Amino acid sequence: MIPARFAPVLFSLLLSGMMSFLVSGFSTWRAVGMIDGFAGLWIPAWLGSWAIAFPAVLVVAPVARRIVARVTV
């Protein structure tokens, strides 16, 4: 088991991985269509996107939480 203190980082890792997977897949599909070798184009695009998305989520998530706390009752 992973200690609870790592929950925010693990959440960010999983969220950024899943979101970048979906968005890069959709973007790749829109750019090239469902061609032979699609996965060979998509997976490197996803890994590159994830490399950007993970640190971005670490920075942006606390800001988003603060904004949500201010605009909700």
PDB file of N, CA and C in Angstrom:
ATOM      1  N   MET A   1       0.824  -1.186   0.000  1.00  0.00           N
ATOM      2  CA  MET A   1       0.000   0.000   0.000  1.00  0.00           C
ATOM      3  C   MET A   1       0.872   1.255   0.000  1.00  0.00           C
ATOM      4  N   ILE A   2       0.345   2.282  -0.607  1.00  0.00           N
ATOM      5  CA  ILE A   2       1.038   3.573  -0.669  1.00  0.00           C
ATOM      6  C   ILE A   2       0.546   4.423   0.505  1.00  0.00           C
ATOM      7  N   PRO A   3       1.463   5.067   1.220  1.00  0.00           N
ATOM      8  CA  PRO A   3       1.030   5.918   2.338  1.00  0.00           C
ATOM      9  C   PRO A   3       0.106   7.050   1.863  1.00  0.00           C
ATOM     10  N   ALA A   4      -0.839   7.419   2.728  1.00  0.00           N
ATOM     11  CA  ALA A   4      -1.850   8.424   2.390  1.00  0.00           C
ATOM     12  C   ALA A   4      -1.242   9.772   2.047  1.00  0.00           C
ATOM     13  N   ARG A   5      -0.063  10.076   2.569  1.00  0.00           N
ATOM     14  CA  ARG A   5       0.541  11.388   2.292  1.00  0.00           C
ATOM     15  C   ARG A   5       0.886  11.565   0.811  1.00  0.00           C
ATOM     16  N   PHE A   6       0.948  10.455   0.076  1.00  0.00           N
ATOM     17  CA  PHE A   6       1.244  10.529  -1.360  1.00  0.00           C
ATOM     18  C   PHE A   6      -0.022  10.612  -2.213  1.00  0.00           C
ATOM     19  N   ALA A   7      -1.189  10.652  -1.587  1.00  0.00           N
ATOM     20  CA  ALA A   7      -2.461  10.659  -2.323  1.00  0.00           C
ATOM     21  C   ALA A   7      -2.558  11.807  -3.328  1.00  0.00           C
ATOM     22  N   PRO A   8      -2.207  13.049  -2.970  1.00  0.00           N
ATOM     23  CA  PRO A   8      -2.332  14.120  -3.977  1.00  0.00           C
ATOM     24  C   PRO A   8      -1.443  13.903  -5.205  1.00  0.00           C
ATOM     25  N   VAL A   9      -0.245  13.396  -5.008  1.00  0.00           N
ATOM     26  CA  VAL A   9       0.655  13.154  -6.143  1.00  0.00           C
ATOM     27  C   VAL A   9       0.143  11.989  -6.980  1.00  0.00           C
ATOM     28  N   LEU A  10      -0.322  10.931  -6.322  1.00  0.00           N
ATOM     29  CA  LEU A  10      -0.865   9.787  -7.053  1.00  0.00           C
ATOM     30  C   LEU A  10      -2.119  10.185  -7.826  1.00  0.00           C
ATOM     31  N   PHE A  11      -2.981  10.984  -7.198  1.00  0.00           N
ATOM     32  CA  PHE A  11      -4.169  11.486  -7.885  1.00  0.00           C
ATOM     33  C   PHE A  11      -3.768  12.275  -9.131  1.00  0.00           C
ATOM     34  N   SER A  12      -2.797  13.158  -8.992  1.00  0.00           N
ATOM     35  CA  SER A  12      -2.333  13.966 -10.123  1.00  0.00           C
ATOM     36  C   SER A  12      -1.742  13.094 -11.220  1.00  0.00           C
ATOM     37  N   LEU A  13      -0.992  12.084 -10.839  1.00  0.00           N
ATOM     38  CA  LEU A  13      -0.392  11.169 -11.816  1.00  0.00           C
ATOM     39  C   LEU A  13      -1.481  10.443 -12.605  1.00  0.00           C
ATOM     40  N   LEU A  14      -2.463   9.899 -11.890  1.00  0.00           N
ATOM     41  CA  LEU A  14      -3.530   9.152 -12.556  1.00  0.00           C
ATOM     42  C   LEU A  14      -4.425  10.060 -13.400  1.00  0.00           C
ATOM     43  N   LEU A  15      -4.829  11.183 -12.831  1.00  0.00           N
ATOM     44  CA  LEU A  15      -5.683  12.113 -13.575  1.00  0.00           C
ATOM     45  C   LEU A  15      -4.987  12.612 -14.837  1.00  0.00           C
ATOM     46  N   SER A  16      -3.756  13.038 -14.712  1.00  0.00           N
ATOM     47  CA  SER A  16      -3.035  13.550 -15.885  1.00  0.00           C
ATOM     48  C   SER A  16      -2.819  12.451 -16.913  1.00  0.00           C
ATOM     49  N   GLY A  17      -2.552  11.235 -16.459  1.00  0.00           N
ATOM     50  CA  GLY A  17      -2.370  10.118 -17.394  1.00  0.00           C
ATOM     51  C   GLY A  17      -3.626   9.795 -18.165  1.00  0.00           C
ATOM     52  N   MET A  18      -4.758   9.722 -17.442  1.00  0.00           N
ATOM     53  CA  MET A  18      -6.014   9.396 -18.110  1.00  0.00           C
ATOM     54  C   MET A  18      -6.476  10.511 -19.038  1.00  0.00           C
ATOM     55  N   MET A  19      -6.390  11.740 -18.575  1.00  0.00           N
ATOM     56  CA  MET A  19      -6.847  12.857 -19.406  1.00  0.00           C
ATOM     57  C   MET A  19      -5.961  13.027 -20.641  1.00  0.00           C
ATOM     58  N   SER A  20      -4.647  12.953 -20.467  1.00  0.00           N
ATOM     59  CA  SER A  20      -3.765  13.104 -21.627  1.00  0.00           C
ATOM     60  C   SER A  20      -3.928  11.936 -22.590  1.00  0.00           C
ATOM     61  N   PHE A  21      -4.232  10.745 -22.076  1.00  0.00           N
ATOM     62  CA  PHE A  21      -4.492   9.583 -22.923  1.00  0.00           C
ATOM     63  C   PHE A  21      -5.691   9.851 -23.830  1.00  0.00           C
ATOM     64  N   LEU A  22      -6.782  10.313 -23.230  1.00  0.00           N
ATOM     65  CA  LEU A  22      -8.001  10.577 -24.003  1.00  0.00           C
ATOM     66  C   LEU A  22      -7.821  11.727 -24.985  1.00  0.00           C
ATOM     67  N   VAL A  23      -7.266  12.828 -24.520  1.00  0.00           N
ATOM     68  CA  VAL A  23      -7.137  14.009 -25.375  1.00  0.00           C
ATOM     69  C   VAL A  23      -6.143  13.764 -26.508  1.00  0.00           C
ATOM     70  N   SER A  24      -5.015  13.125 -26.211  1.00  0.00           N
ATOM     71  CA  SER A  24      -4.047  12.858 -27.276  1.00  0.00           C
ATOM     72  C   SER A  24      -4.597  11.854 -28.279  1.00  0.00           C
ATOM     73  N   GLY A  25      -5.371  10.881 -27.799  1.00  0.00           N
ATOM     74  CA  GLY A  25      -5.998   9.926 -28.720  1.00  0.00           C
ATOM     75  C   GLY A  25      -6.983  10.604 -29.645  1.00  0.00           C
ATOM     76  N   PHE A  26      -7.817  11.466 -29.091  1.00  0.00           N
ATOM     77  CA  PHE A  26      -8.782  12.196 -29.910  1.00  0.00           C
ATOM     78  C   PHE A  26      -8.063  13.124 -30.888  1.00  0.00           C
ATOM     79  N   SER A  27      -7.056  13.828 -30.416  1.00  0.00           N
ATOM     80  CA  SER A  27      -6.315  14.746 -31.292  1.00  0.00           C
ATOM     81  C   SER A  27      -5.592  14.005 -32.407  1.00  0.00           C
ATOM     82  N   THR A  28      -5.005  12.864 -32.076  1.00  0.00           N
ATOM     83  CA  THR A  28      -4.322  12.068 -33.098  1.00  0.00           C
ATOM     84  C   THR A  28      -5.327  11.559 -34.122  1.00  0.00           C
ATOM     85  N   TRP A  29      -6.463  11.078 -33.641  1.00  0.00           N
ATOM     86  CA  TRP A  29      -7.506  10.598 -34.550  1.00  0.00           C
ATOM     87  C   TRP A  29      -7.990  11.713 -35.470  1.00  0.00           C
ATOM     88  N   ARG A  30      -8.188  12.914 -34.914  1.00  0.00           N
ATOM     89  CA  ARG A  30      -8.632  14.049 -35.735  1.00  0.00           C
ATOM     90  C   ARG A  30      -7.568  14.442 -36.771  1.00  0.00           C
ATOM     91  N   ALA A  31      -6.316  14.309 -36.411  1.00  0.00           N
ATOM     92  CA  ALA A  31      -5.237  14.737 -37.306  1.00  0.00           C
ATOM     93  C   ALA A  31      -4.989  13.746 -38.440  1.00  0.00           C
ATOM     94  N   VAL A  32      -5.033  12.436 -38.138  1.00  0.00           N
ATOM     95  CA  VAL A  32      -4.638  11.454 -39.149  1.00  0.00           C
ATOM     96  C   VAL A  32      -5.723  10.446 -39.486  1.00  0.00           C
ATOM     97  N   GLY A  33      -6.797  10.391 -38.701  1.00  0.00           N
ATOM     98  CA  GLY A  33      -7.836   9.392 -38.924  1.00  0.00           C
ATOM     99  C   GLY A  33      -7.414   8.048 -38.345  1.00  0.00           C
ATOM    100  N   MET A  34      -8.287   7.073 -38.499  1.00  0.00           N
ATOM    101  CA  MET A  34      -8.021   5.732 -37.979  1.00  0.00           C
ATOM    102  C   MET A  34      -7.241   4.945 -39.027  1.00  0.00           C
ATOM    103  N   ILE A  35      -5.958   5.216 -39.097  1.00  0.00           N
ATOM    104  CA  ILE A  35      -5.093   4.613 -40.113  1.00  0.00           C
ATOM    105  C   ILE A  35      -4.334   3.427 -39.529  1.00  0.00           C
ATOM    106  N   ASP A  36      -3.753   2.618 -40.410  1.00  0.00           N
ATOM    107  CA  ASP A  36      -2.820   1.594 -39.944  1.00  0.00           C
ATOM    108  C   ASP A  36      -1.662   2.306 -39.261  1.00  0.00           C
ATOM    109  N   GLY A  37      -1.250   1.808 -38.139  1.00  0.00           N
ATOM    110  CA  GLY A  37      -0.170   2.438 -37.393  1.00  0.00           C
ATOM    111  C   GLY A  37      -0.632   3.554 -36.482  1.00  0.00           C
ATOM    112  N   PHE A  38      -1.962   3.662 -36.290  1.00  0.00           N
ATOM    113  CA  PHE A  38      -2.502   4.719 -35.427  1.00  0.00           C
ATOM    114  C   PHE A  38      -1.883   4.670 -34.031  1.00  0.00           C
ATOM    115  N   ALA A  39      -1.831   3.496 -33.448  1.00  0.00           N
ATOM    116  CA  ALA A  39      -1.284   3.363 -32.087  1.00  0.00           C
ATOM    117  C   ALA A  39       0.176   3.795 -32.039  1.00  0.00           C
ATOM    118  N   GLY A  40       0.902   3.538 -33.102  1.00  0.00           N
ATOM    119  CA  GLY A  40       2.306   3.941 -33.160  1.00  0.00           C
ATOM    120  C   GLY A  40       2.488   5.451 -33.179  1.00  0.00           C
ATOM    121  N   LEU A  41       1.487   6.170 -33.640  1.00  0.00           N
ATOM    122  CA  LEU A  41       1.506   7.628 -33.591  1.00  0.00           C
ATOM    123  C   LEU A  41       0.968   8.145 -32.255  1.00  0.00           C
ATOM    124  N   TRP A  42      -0.071   7.466 -31.762  1.00  0.00           N
ATOM    125  CA  TRP A  42      -0.768   7.927 -30.577  1.00  0.00           C
ATOM    126  C   TRP A  42       0.067   7.776 -29.303  1.00  0.00           C
ATOM    127  N   ILE A  43       0.668   6.631 -29.113  1.00  0.00           N
ATOM    128  CA  ILE A  43       1.358   6.366 -27.844  1.00  0.00           C
ATOM    129  C   ILE A  43       2.508   7.348 -27.601  1.00  0.00           C
ATOM    130  N   PRO A  44       3.369   7.618 -28.570  1.00  0.00           N
ATOM    131  CA  PRO A  44       4.406   8.634 -28.301  1.00  0.00           C
ATOM    132  C   PRO A  44       3.809  10.020 -28.041  1.00  0.00           C
ATOM    133  N   ALA A  45       2.715  10.357 -28.728  1.00  0.00           N
ATOM    134  CA  ALA A  45       2.051  11.640 -28.485  1.00  0.00           C
ATOM    135  C   ALA A  45       1.502  11.680 -27.064  1.00  0.00           C
ATOM    136  N   TRP A  46       0.939  10.564 -26.618  1.00  0.00           N
ATOM    137  CA  TRP A  46       0.402  10.495 -25.260  1.00  0.00           C
ATOM    138  C   TRP A  46       1.501  10.646 -24.217  1.00  0.00           C
ATOM    139  N   LEU A  47       2.595   9.940 -24.393  1.00  0.00           N
ATOM    140  CA  LEU A  47       3.679  10.019 -23.412  1.00  0.00           C
ATOM    141  C   LEU A  47       4.248  11.432 -23.328  1.00  0.00           C
ATOM    142  N   GLY A  48       4.387  12.095 -24.462  1.00  0.00           N
ATOM    143  CA  GLY A  48       4.847  13.480 -24.459  1.00  0.00           C
ATOM    144  C   GLY A  48       3.847  14.403 -23.778  1.00  0.00           C
ATOM    145  N   SER A  49       2.557  14.152 -24.043  1.00  0.00           N
ATOM    146  CA  SER A  49       1.512  14.950 -23.406  1.00  0.00           C
ATOM    147  C   SER A  49       1.487  14.722 -21.899  1.00  0.00           C
ATOM    148  N   TRP A  50       1.671  13.493 -21.489  1.00  0.00           N
ATOM    149  CA  TRP A  50       1.660  13.169 -20.067  1.00  0.00           C
ATOM    150  C   TRP A  50       2.823  13.843 -19.343  1.00  0.00           C
ATOM    151  N   ALA A  51       3.959  13.923 -20.029  1.00  0.00           N
ATOM    152  CA  ALA A  51       5.125  14.586 -19.438  1.00  0.00           C
ATOM    153  C   ALA A  51       4.851  16.060 -19.151  1.00  0.00           C
ATOM    154  N   ILE A  52       3.981  16.675 -19.920  1.00  0.00           N
ATOM    155  CA  ILE A  52       3.583  18.064 -19.682  1.00  0.00           C
ATOM    156  C   ILE A  52       2.414  18.118 -18.697  1.00  0.00           C
ATOM    157  N   ALA A  53       1.451  17.212 -18.859  1.00  0.00           N
ATOM    158  CA  ALA A  53       0.225  17.254 -18.063  1.00  0.00           C
ATOM    159  C   ALA A  53       0.466  16.983 -16.580  1.00  0.00           C
ATOM    160  N   PHE A  54       1.358  16.067 -16.236  1.00  0.00           N
ATOM    161  CA  PHE A  54       1.551  15.717 -14.828  1.00  0.00           C
ATOM    162  C   PHE A  54       2.045  16.897 -14.002  1.00  0.00           C
ATOM    163  N   PRO A  55       3.131  17.555 -14.394  1.00  0.00           N
ATOM    164  CA  PRO A  55       3.532  18.722 -13.591  1.00  0.00           C
ATOM    165  C   PRO A  55       2.502  19.849 -13.649  1.00  0.00           C
ATOM    166  N   ALA A  56       1.803  19.971 -14.778  1.00  0.00           N
ATOM    167  CA  ALA A  56       0.774  21.014 -14.877  1.00  0.00           C
ATOM    168  C   ALA A  56      -0.345  20.766 -13.870  1.00  0.00           C
ATOM    169  N   VAL A  57      -0.782  19.527 -13.730  1.00  0.00           N
ATOM    170  CA  VAL A  57      -1.832  19.201 -12.764  1.00  0.00           C
ATOM    171  C   VAL A  57      -1.344  19.463 -11.341  1.00  0.00           C
ATOM    172  N   LEU A  58      -0.085  19.151 -11.060  1.00  0.00           N
ATOM    173  CA  LEU A  58       0.448  19.411  -9.720  1.00  0.00           C
ATOM    174  C   LEU A  58       0.363  20.892  -9.371  1.00  0.00           C
ATOM    175  N   VAL A  59       0.564  21.755 -10.365  1.00  0.00           N
ATOM    176  CA  VAL A  59       0.535  23.205 -10.135  1.00  0.00           C
ATOM    177  C   VAL A  59      -0.893  23.744 -10.178  1.00  0.00           C
ATOM    178  N   VAL A  60      -1.678  23.279 -11.137  1.00  0.00           N
ATOM    179  CA  VAL A  60      -2.995  23.857 -11.383  1.00  0.00           C
ATOM    180  C   VAL A  60      -4.068  23.343 -10.416  1.00  0.00           C
ATOM    181  N   ALA A  61      -3.986  22.112  -9.976  1.00  0.00           N
ATOM    182  CA  ALA A  61      -5.028  21.547  -9.107  1.00  0.00           C
ATOM    183  C   ALA A  61      -5.240  22.358  -7.830  1.00  0.00           C
ATOM    184  N   PRO A  62      -4.196  22.763  -7.119  1.00  0.00           N
ATOM    185  CA  PRO A  62      -4.444  23.580  -5.922  1.00  0.00           C
ATOM    186  C   PRO A  62      -5.109  24.925  -6.241  1.00  0.00           C
ATOM    187  N   VAL A  63      -4.752  25.512  -7.359  1.00  0.00           N
ATOM    188  CA  VAL A  63      -5.371  26.772  -7.774  1.00  0.00           C
ATOM    189  C   VAL A  63      -6.851  26.535  -8.066  1.00  0.00           C
ATOM    190  N   ALA A  64      -7.158  25.471  -8.782  1.00  0.00           N
ATOM    191  CA  ALA A  64      -8.550  25.152  -9.096  1.00  0.00           C
ATOM    192  C   ALA A  64      -9.348  24.882  -7.821  1.00  0.00           C
ATOM    193  N   ARG A  65      -8.753  24.195  -6.858  1.00  0.00           N
ATOM    194  CA  ARG A  65      -9.447  23.938  -5.586  1.00  0.00           C
ATOM    195  C   ARG A  65      -9.770  25.242  -4.869  1.00  0.00           C
ATOM    196  N   ARG A  66      -8.832  26.180  -4.870  1.00  0.00           N
ATOM    197  CA  ARG A  66      -9.078  27.472  -4.221  1.00  0.00           C
ATOM    198  C   ARG A  66     -10.194  28.250  -4.921  1.00  0.00           C
ATOM    199  N   ILE A  67     -10.188  28.220  -6.252  1.00  0.00           N
ATOM    200  CA  ILE A  67     -11.224  28.916  -7.004  1.00  0.00           C
ATOM    201  C   ILE A  67     -12.590  28.291  -6.710  1.00  0.00           C
ATOM    202  N   VAL A  68     -12.664  26.965  -6.713  1.00  0.00           N
ATOM    203  CA  VAL A  68     -13.920  26.279  -6.420  1.00  0.00           C
ATOM    204  C   VAL A  68     -14.384  26.612  -5.016  1.00  0.00           C
ATOM    205  N   ALA A  69     -13.488  26.665  -4.058  1.00  0.00           N
ATOM    206  CA  ALA A  69     -13.854  26.996  -2.675  1.00  0.00           C
ATOM    207  C   ALA A  69     -14.426  28.400  -2.576  1.00  0.00           C
ATOM    208  N   ARG A  70     -13.941  29.320  -3.392  1.00  0.00           N
ATOM    209  CA  ARG A  70     -14.430  30.708  -3.364  1.00  0.00           C
ATOM    210  C   ARG A  70     -15.769  30.893  -4.045  1.00  0.00           C
ATOM    211  N   VAL A  71     -16.059  30.090  -5.056  1.00  0.00           N
ATOM    212  CA  VAL A  71     -17.295  30.304  -5.824  1.00  0.00           C
ATOM    213  C   VAL A  71     -18.434  29.385  -5.413  1.00  0.00           C
ATOM    214  N   THR A  72     -18.183  28.506  -4.456  1.00  0.00           N
ATOM    215  CA  THR A  72     -19.251  27.622  -3.985  1.00  0.00           C
ATOM    216  C   THR A  72     -19.651  28.010  -2.570  1.00  0.00           C
ATOM    217  N   VAL A  73     -20.867  27.644  -2.234  1.00  0.00           N
ATOM    218  CA  VAL A  73     -21.409  27.977  -0.910  1.00  0.00           C
ATOM    219  C   VAL A  73     -21.153  26.848   0.053  1.00  0.00           C
TER     220      VAL A  73
END
